[in-house]
Protein backbone atom coordinates (compact mmCIF):
# COMPACT_ATOMS: atom_id res chain seq x y z
CA MET A 1 46.18 -24.11 -40.30
CA THR A 2 43.40 -25.09 -42.65
CA SER A 3 41.42 -27.76 -40.79
CA PHE A 4 39.95 -28.48 -37.39
CA LYS A 5 41.95 -31.72 -37.42
CA GLU A 6 45.19 -29.71 -37.67
CA ILE A 7 44.05 -27.52 -34.78
CA CYS A 8 43.32 -30.57 -32.61
CA GLU A 9 46.70 -32.04 -33.47
CA MET A 10 48.46 -29.01 -31.94
CA TRP A 11 47.93 -30.66 -28.56
CA GLY A 12 49.82 -33.79 -29.56
CA ASP A 13 47.09 -36.12 -28.34
CA ASP A 14 43.36 -36.09 -27.81
CA ARG A 15 43.59 -36.70 -24.06
CA ALA A 16 45.57 -33.50 -23.47
CA LEU A 17 43.08 -31.47 -25.52
CA ALA A 18 40.13 -33.06 -23.73
CA GLU A 19 41.60 -32.19 -20.34
CA ASP A 20 42.37 -28.62 -21.39
CA VAL A 21 38.86 -27.91 -22.69
CA GLY A 22 36.97 -29.92 -20.06
CA GLN A 23 35.41 -32.33 -22.54
CA SER A 24 35.43 -36.10 -22.70
CA LEU A 25 38.11 -37.91 -24.65
CA PHE A 26 35.35 -39.40 -26.82
CA ALA A 27 34.02 -35.93 -27.72
CA VAL A 28 37.44 -34.65 -28.72
CA GLN A 29 38.13 -37.77 -30.77
CA LYS A 30 34.90 -37.11 -32.68
CA TRP A 31 36.02 -33.53 -33.37
CA ARG A 32 39.26 -34.72 -34.90
CA ILE A 33 37.76 -37.63 -36.85
CA ARG A 34 34.89 -35.51 -38.22
CA ASN A 35 37.14 -32.49 -38.76
CA LYS A 36 34.53 -30.37 -36.99
CA ILE A 37 34.52 -28.55 -33.67
CA PRO A 38 31.11 -27.35 -32.49
CA ALA A 39 30.95 -23.55 -32.42
CA HIS A 40 29.79 -23.52 -28.80
CA GLN A 41 33.20 -25.06 -27.89
CA TRP A 42 35.31 -22.46 -29.66
CA ARG A 43 35.74 -20.02 -26.77
CA GLY A 44 36.99 -22.77 -24.44
CA LEU A 45 39.29 -24.08 -27.15
CA VAL A 46 40.81 -20.65 -27.78
CA ASP A 47 41.27 -20.11 -24.04
CA ALA A 48 43.00 -23.50 -23.71
CA ALA A 49 45.18 -22.75 -26.74
CA GLN A 50 46.26 -19.42 -25.26
CA ARG A 51 47.20 -21.12 -21.97
CA ARG A 52 49.45 -23.48 -23.97
CA GLY A 53 50.98 -20.65 -25.96
CA PHE A 54 49.24 -21.54 -29.22
CA SER A 55 48.60 -17.90 -30.07
CA GLN A 56 47.72 -18.70 -33.68
CA ILE A 57 44.48 -20.38 -32.56
CA THR A 58 41.89 -17.61 -32.42
CA LEU A 59 38.16 -17.25 -32.89
CA GLU A 60 38.92 -15.70 -36.27
CA LEU A 61 40.93 -18.77 -37.31
CA LEU A 62 38.14 -21.12 -36.22
CA ALA A 63 35.59 -19.07 -38.15
CA ARG A 64 37.79 -19.07 -41.25
CA VAL A 65 38.28 -22.86 -41.08
CA ALA A 66 34.53 -23.37 -40.63
CA GLU A 67 33.78 -21.09 -43.59
CA GLN A 68 36.28 -22.89 -45.83
CA ARG A 69 34.86 -26.23 -44.76
CA ALA A 70 31.29 -25.10 -45.55
CA SER A 71 32.19 -23.72 -48.96
CA ALA A 72 33.99 -26.95 -49.86
CA ALA A 73 30.93 -29.06 -49.05
């Protein structure tokens, strides 16, 4: 996975992700559209991913995606 959008898409739809991380649907839609997940949401996202069996989503992955995104800007 190379983008936050790809990570969000693991859930299949924004509503499922929003419910899993305890955020509004609007907030999660902004994450996907902007291809950016705020760092203070990462822990909850990783926990939700683990509960769904998405073991590839880790804090290290999120940090790597953020670093790649920053260096591309």
